């Protein structure tokens, strides 16, 4: 989970610097997307484990 969130945070920071965005909107948006994606992956894995027990 942490790696996914960090990658999206890093990508957002890079885009903010590249396009000189005020308010760091890329970083905030992509970090939240990374959190959502990580939670989705986590829930999917837990459901898979529960079905196979």
PDB file of N, CA and C in Angstrom:
ATOM      1  N   UNK A   1       0.826  -1.188   0.000  1.00  0.00           N
ATOM      2  CA  UNK A   1       0.000   0.000   0.000  1.00  0.00           C
ATOM      3  C   UNK A   1       0.870   1.253   0.000  1.00  0.00           C
ATOM      4  N   UNK A   2       1.873   1.246   0.845  1.00  0.00           N
ATOM      5  CA  UNK A   2       2.721   2.421   0.961  1.00  0.00           C
ATOM      6  C   UNK A   2       3.459   2.756  -0.319  1.00  0.00           C
ATOM      7  N   UNK A   3       3.895   1.733  -1.034  1.00  0.00           N
ATOM      8  CA  UNK A   3       4.627   1.964  -2.283  1.00  0.00           C
ATOM      9  C   UNK A   3       3.708   2.596  -3.316  1.00  0.00           C
ATOM     10  N   UNK A   4       2.494   2.095  -3.435  1.00  0.00           N
ATOM     11  CA  UNK A   4       1.538   2.645  -4.400  1.00  0.00           C
ATOM     12  C   UNK A   4       1.249   4.107  -4.088  1.00  0.00           C
ATOM     13  N   UNK A   5       0.989   4.408  -2.827  1.00  0.00           N
ATOM     14  CA  UNK A   5       0.692   5.786  -2.434  1.00  0.00           C
ATOM     15  C   UNK A   5       1.901   6.679  -2.705  1.00  0.00           C
ATOM     16  N   UNK A   6       3.095   6.202  -2.372  1.00  0.00           N
ATOM     17  CA  UNK A   6       4.296   7.005  -2.585  1.00  0.00           C
ATOM     18  C   UNK A   6       4.535   7.282  -4.064  1.00  0.00           C
ATOM     19  N   UNK A   7       4.317   6.296  -4.919  1.00  0.00           N
ATOM     20  CA  UNK A   7       4.527   6.483  -6.360  1.00  0.00           C
ATOM     21  C   UNK A   7       3.592   7.566  -6.888  1.00  0.00           C
ATOM     22  N   UNK A   8       2.328   7.537  -6.493  1.00  0.00           N
ATOM     23  CA  UNK A   8       1.388   8.566  -6.951  1.00  0.00           C
ATOM     24  C   UNK A   8       1.727   9.931  -6.357  1.00  0.00           C
ATOM     25  N   UNK A   9       2.194   9.973  -5.101  1.00  0.00           N
ATOM     26  CA  UNK A   9       2.648  11.226  -4.494  1.00  0.00           C
ATOM     27  C   UNK A   9       3.829  11.797  -5.278  1.00  0.00           C
ATOM     28  N   UNK A  10       4.801  10.942  -5.579  1.00  0.00           N
ATOM     29  CA  UNK A  10       5.986  11.376  -6.319  1.00  0.00           C
ATOM     30  C   UNK A  10       5.605  11.891  -7.703  1.00  0.00           C
ATOM     31  N   UNK A  11       4.726  11.165  -8.388  1.00  0.00           N
ATOM     32  CA  UNK A  11       4.284  11.582  -9.720  1.00  0.00           C
ATOM     33  C   UNK A  11       3.573  12.933  -9.656  1.00  0.00           C
ATOM     34  N   UNK A  12       2.716  13.124  -8.668  1.00  0.00           N
ATOM     35  CA  UNK A  12       2.023  14.401  -8.511  1.00  0.00           C
ATOM     36  C   UNK A  12       2.972  15.540  -8.224  1.00  0.00           C
ATOM     37  N   UNK A  13       3.972  15.308  -7.385  1.00  0.00           N
ATOM     38  CA  UNK A  13       4.970  16.338  -7.081  1.00  0.00           C
ATOM     39  C   UNK A  13       5.758  16.697  -8.335  1.00  0.00           C
ATOM     40  N   UNK A  14       6.124  15.692  -9.106  1.00  0.00           N
ATOM     41  CA  UNK A  14       6.867  15.924 -10.351  1.00  0.00           C
ATOM     42  C   UNK A  14       6.031  16.750 -11.329  1.00  0.00           C
ATOM     43  N   UNK A  15       4.737  16.414 -11.478  1.00  0.00           N
ATOM     44  CA  UNK A  15       3.875  17.162 -12.388  1.00  0.00           C
ATOM     45  C   UNK A  15       3.675  18.602 -11.917  1.00  0.00           C
ATOM     46  N   UNK A  16       3.544  18.796 -10.601  1.00  0.00           N
ATOM     47  CA  UNK A  16       3.417  20.152 -10.066  1.00  0.00           C
ATOM     48  C   UNK A  16       4.648  20.992 -10.389  1.00  0.00           C
ATOM     49  N   UNK A  17       5.827  20.397 -10.261  1.00  0.00           N
ATOM     50  CA  UNK A  17       7.058  21.134 -10.570  1.00  0.00           C
ATOM     51  C   UNK A  17       7.199  21.384 -12.066  1.00  0.00           C
ATOM     52  N   UNK A  18       6.845  20.395 -12.866  1.00  0.00           N
ATOM     53  CA  UNK A  18       7.002  20.521 -14.319  1.00  0.00           C
ATOM     54  C   UNK A  18       6.086  21.592 -14.897  1.00  0.00           C
ATOM     55  N   UNK A  19       4.838  21.645 -14.436  1.00  0.00           N
ATOM     56  CA  UNK A  19       3.876  22.589 -14.995  1.00  0.00           C
ATOM     57  C   UNK A  19       3.642  23.807 -14.104  1.00  0.00           C
ATOM     58  N   UNK A  20       4.435  23.964 -13.050  1.00  0.00           N
ATOM     59  CA  UNK A  20       4.383  25.121 -12.139  1.00  0.00           C
ATOM     60  C   UNK A  20       2.954  25.383 -11.658  1.00  0.00           C
ATOM     61  N   UNK A  21       2.341  24.379 -11.075  1.00  0.00           N
ATOM     62  CA  UNK A  21       0.970  24.479 -10.579  1.00  0.00           C
ATOM     63  C   UNK A  21       0.985  25.027  -9.158  1.00  0.00           C
ATOM     64  N   UNK A  22       0.188  26.058  -8.913  1.00  0.00           N
ATOM     65  CA  UNK A  22       0.080  26.594  -7.561  1.00  0.00           C
ATOM     66  C   UNK A  22      -0.903  25.752  -6.759  1.00  0.00           C
ATOM     67  N   UNK A  23      -0.641  25.574  -5.498  1.00  0.00           N
ATOM     68  CA  UNK A  23      -1.525  24.800  -4.635  1.00  0.00           C
ATOM     69  C   UNK A  23      -1.264  23.307  -4.652  1.00  0.00           C
ATOM     70  N   UNK A  24      -0.300  22.866  -5.430  1.00  0.00           N
ATOM     71  CA  UNK A  24       0.082  21.449  -5.514  1.00  0.00           C
ATOM     72  C   UNK A  24      -1.111  20.531  -5.781  1.00  0.00           C
ATOM     73  N   UNK A  25      -1.925  20.880  -6.756  1.00  0.00           N
ATOM     74  CA  UNK A  25      -3.140  20.109  -7.038  1.00  0.00           C
ATOM     75  C   UNK A  25      -2.849  18.731  -7.597  1.00  0.00           C
ATOM     76  N   UNK A  26      -1.807  18.619  -8.414  1.00  0.00           N
ATOM     77  CA  UNK A  26      -1.467  17.287  -8.936  1.00  0.00           C
ATOM     78  C   UNK A  26      -1.076  16.352  -7.806  1.00  0.00           C
ATOM     79  N   UNK A  27      -0.247  16.855  -6.895  1.00  0.00           N
ATOM     80  CA  UNK A  27       0.212  16.027  -5.775  1.00  0.00           C
ATOM     81  C   UNK A  27      -0.966  15.593  -4.913  1.00  0.00           C
ATOM     82  N   UNK A  28      -1.836  16.530  -4.577  1.00  0.00           N
ATOM     83  CA  UNK A  28      -2.980  16.205  -3.721  1.00  0.00           C
ATOM     84  C   UNK A  28      -3.931  15.222  -4.408  1.00  0.00           C
ATOM     85  N   UNK A  29      -4.242  15.484  -5.661  1.00  0.00           N
ATOM     86  CA  UNK A  29      -5.178  14.631  -6.386  1.00  0.00           C
ATOM     87  C   UNK A  29      -4.643  13.232  -6.612  1.00  0.00           C
ATOM     88  N   UNK A  30      -3.390  13.142  -7.053  1.00  0.00           N
ATOM     89  CA  UNK A  30      -2.828  11.817  -7.327  1.00  0.00           C
ATOM     90  C   UNK A  30      -2.544  11.040  -6.043  1.00  0.00           C
ATOM     91  N   UNK A  31      -2.216  11.740  -4.957  1.00  0.00           N
ATOM     92  CA  UNK A  31      -2.037  11.040  -3.686  1.00  0.00           C
ATOM     93  C   UNK A  31      -3.358  10.441  -3.229  1.00  0.00           C
ATOM     94  N   UNK A  32      -4.439  11.193  -3.347  1.00  0.00           N
ATOM     95  CA  UNK A  32      -5.756  10.661  -2.975  1.00  0.00           C
ATOM     96  C   UNK A  32      -6.154   9.496  -3.884  1.00  0.00           C
ATOM     97  N   UNK A  33      -5.832   9.601  -5.163  1.00  0.00           N
ATOM     98  CA  UNK A  33      -6.100   8.494  -6.082  1.00  0.00           C
ATOM     99  C   UNK A  33      -5.301   7.261  -5.673  1.00  0.00           C
ATOM    100  N   UNK A  34      -4.041   7.457  -5.278  1.00  0.00           N
ATOM    101  CA  UNK A  34      -3.202   6.355  -4.819  1.00  0.00           C
ATOM    102  C   UNK A  34      -3.756   5.703  -3.566  1.00  0.00           C
ATOM    103  N   UNK A  35      -4.283   6.520  -2.637  1.00  0.00           N
ATOM    104  CA  UNK A  35      -4.902   5.973  -1.422  1.00  0.00           C
ATOM    105  C   UNK A  35      -6.127   5.140  -1.794  1.00  0.00           C
ATOM    106  N   UNK A  36      -6.962   5.672  -2.679  1.00  0.00           N
ATOM    107  CA  UNK A  36      -8.153   4.928  -3.111  1.00  0.00           C
ATOM    108  C   UNK A  36      -7.790   3.630  -3.811  1.00  0.00           C
ATOM    109  N   UNK A  37      -6.805   3.683  -4.674  1.00  0.00           N
ATOM    110  CA  UNK A  37      -6.367   2.484  -5.386  1.00  0.00           C
ATOM    111  C   UNK A  37      -5.793   1.449  -4.423  1.00  0.00           C
ATOM    112  N   UNK A  38      -5.025   1.903  -3.450  1.00  0.00           N
ATOM    113  CA  UNK A  38      -4.457   0.987  -2.455  1.00  0.00           C
ATOM    114  C   UNK A  38      -5.548   0.323  -1.624  1.00  0.00           C
ATOM    115  N   UNK A  39      -6.546   1.105  -1.214  1.00  0.00           N
ATOM    116  CA  UNK A  39      -7.658   0.527  -0.455  1.00  0.00           C
ATOM    117  C   UNK A  39      -8.427  -0.487  -1.286  1.00  0.00           C
ATOM    118  N   UNK A  40      -8.640  -0.181  -2.573  1.00  0.00           N
ATOM    119  CA  UNK A  40      -9.325  -1.115  -3.463  1.00  0.00           C
ATOM    120  C   UNK A  40      -8.547  -2.428  -3.564  1.00  0.00           C
ATOM    121  N   UNK A  41      -7.237  -2.330  -3.765  1.00  0.00           N
ATOM    122  CA  UNK A  41      -6.414  -3.533  -3.869  1.00  0.00           C
ATOM    123  C   UNK A  41      -6.438  -4.328  -2.564  1.00  0.00           C
ATOM    124  N   UNK A  42      -6.375  -3.639  -1.434  1.00  0.00           N
ATOM    125  CA  UNK A  42      -6.392  -4.295  -0.135  1.00  0.00           C
ATOM    126  C   UNK A  42      -7.704  -5.038   0.089  1.00  0.00           C
ATOM    127  N   UNK A  43      -8.819  -4.385  -0.185  1.00  0.00           N
ATOM    128  CA  UNK A  43     -10.134  -5.011   0.001  1.00  0.00           C
ATOM    129  C   UNK A  43     -10.291  -6.205  -0.943  1.00  0.00           C
ATOM    130  N   UNK A  44      -9.813  -6.062  -2.166  1.00  0.00           N
ATOM    131  CA  UNK A  44      -9.884  -7.161  -3.138  1.00  0.00           C
ATOM    132  C   UNK A  44      -9.084  -8.371  -2.643  1.00  0.00           C
ATOM    133  N   UNK A  45      -7.892  -8.133  -2.091  1.00  0.00           N
ATOM    134  CA  UNK A  45      -7.068  -9.233  -1.586  1.00  0.00           C
ATOM    135  C   UNK A  45      -7.701  -9.891  -0.365  1.00  0.00           C
ATOM    136  N   UNK A  46      -8.280  -9.105   0.532  1.00  0.00           N
ATOM    137  CA  UNK A  46      -8.929  -9.664   1.717  1.00  0.00           C
ATOM    138  C   UNK A  46     -10.118 -10.517   1.319  1.00  0.00           C
ATOM    139  N   UNK A  47     -10.911 -10.041   0.373  1.00  0.00           N
ATOM    140  CA  UNK A  47     -12.052 -10.843  -0.090  1.00  0.00           C
ATOM    141  C   UNK A  47     -11.590 -12.143  -0.740  1.00  0.00           C
ATOM    142  N   UNK A  48     -10.497 -12.093  -1.489  1.00  0.00           N
ATOM    143  CA  UNK A  48      -9.976 -13.302  -2.120  1.00  0.00           C
ATOM    144  C   UNK A  48      -9.513 -14.304  -1.066  1.00  0.00           C
ATOM    145  N   UNK A  49      -8.831 -13.830  -0.048  1.00  0.00           N
ATOM    146  CA  UNK A  49      -8.352 -14.699   1.029  1.00  0.00           C
ATOM    147  C   UNK A  49      -9.537 -15.320   1.771  1.00  0.00           C
ATOM    148  N   UNK A  50     -10.559 -14.527   2.056  1.00  0.00           N
ATOM    149  CA  UNK A  50     -11.718 -15.027   2.789  1.00  0.00           C
ATOM    150  C   UNK A  50     -12.492 -16.084   2.005  1.00  0.00           C
ATOM    151  N   UNK A  51     -12.548 -15.952   0.690  1.00  0.00           N
ATOM    152  CA  UNK A  51     -13.263 -16.925  -0.140  1.00  0.00           C
ATOM    153  C   UNK A  51     -12.536 -18.258  -0.202  1.00  0.00           C
ATOM    154  N   UNK A  52     -11.223 -18.240  -0.086  1.00  0.00           N
ATOM    155  CA  UNK A  52     -10.431 -19.462  -0.235  1.00  0.00           C
ATOM    156  C   UNK A  52     -10.079 -20.132   1.082  1.00  0.00           C
ATOM    157  N   UNK A  53     -10.668 -19.728   2.162  1.00  0.00           N
ATOM    158  CA  UNK A  53     -10.378 -20.384   3.448  1.00  0.00           C
ATOM    159  C   UNK A  53     -11.296 -21.518   3.702  1.00  0.00           C
TER     160      UNK A  53
END
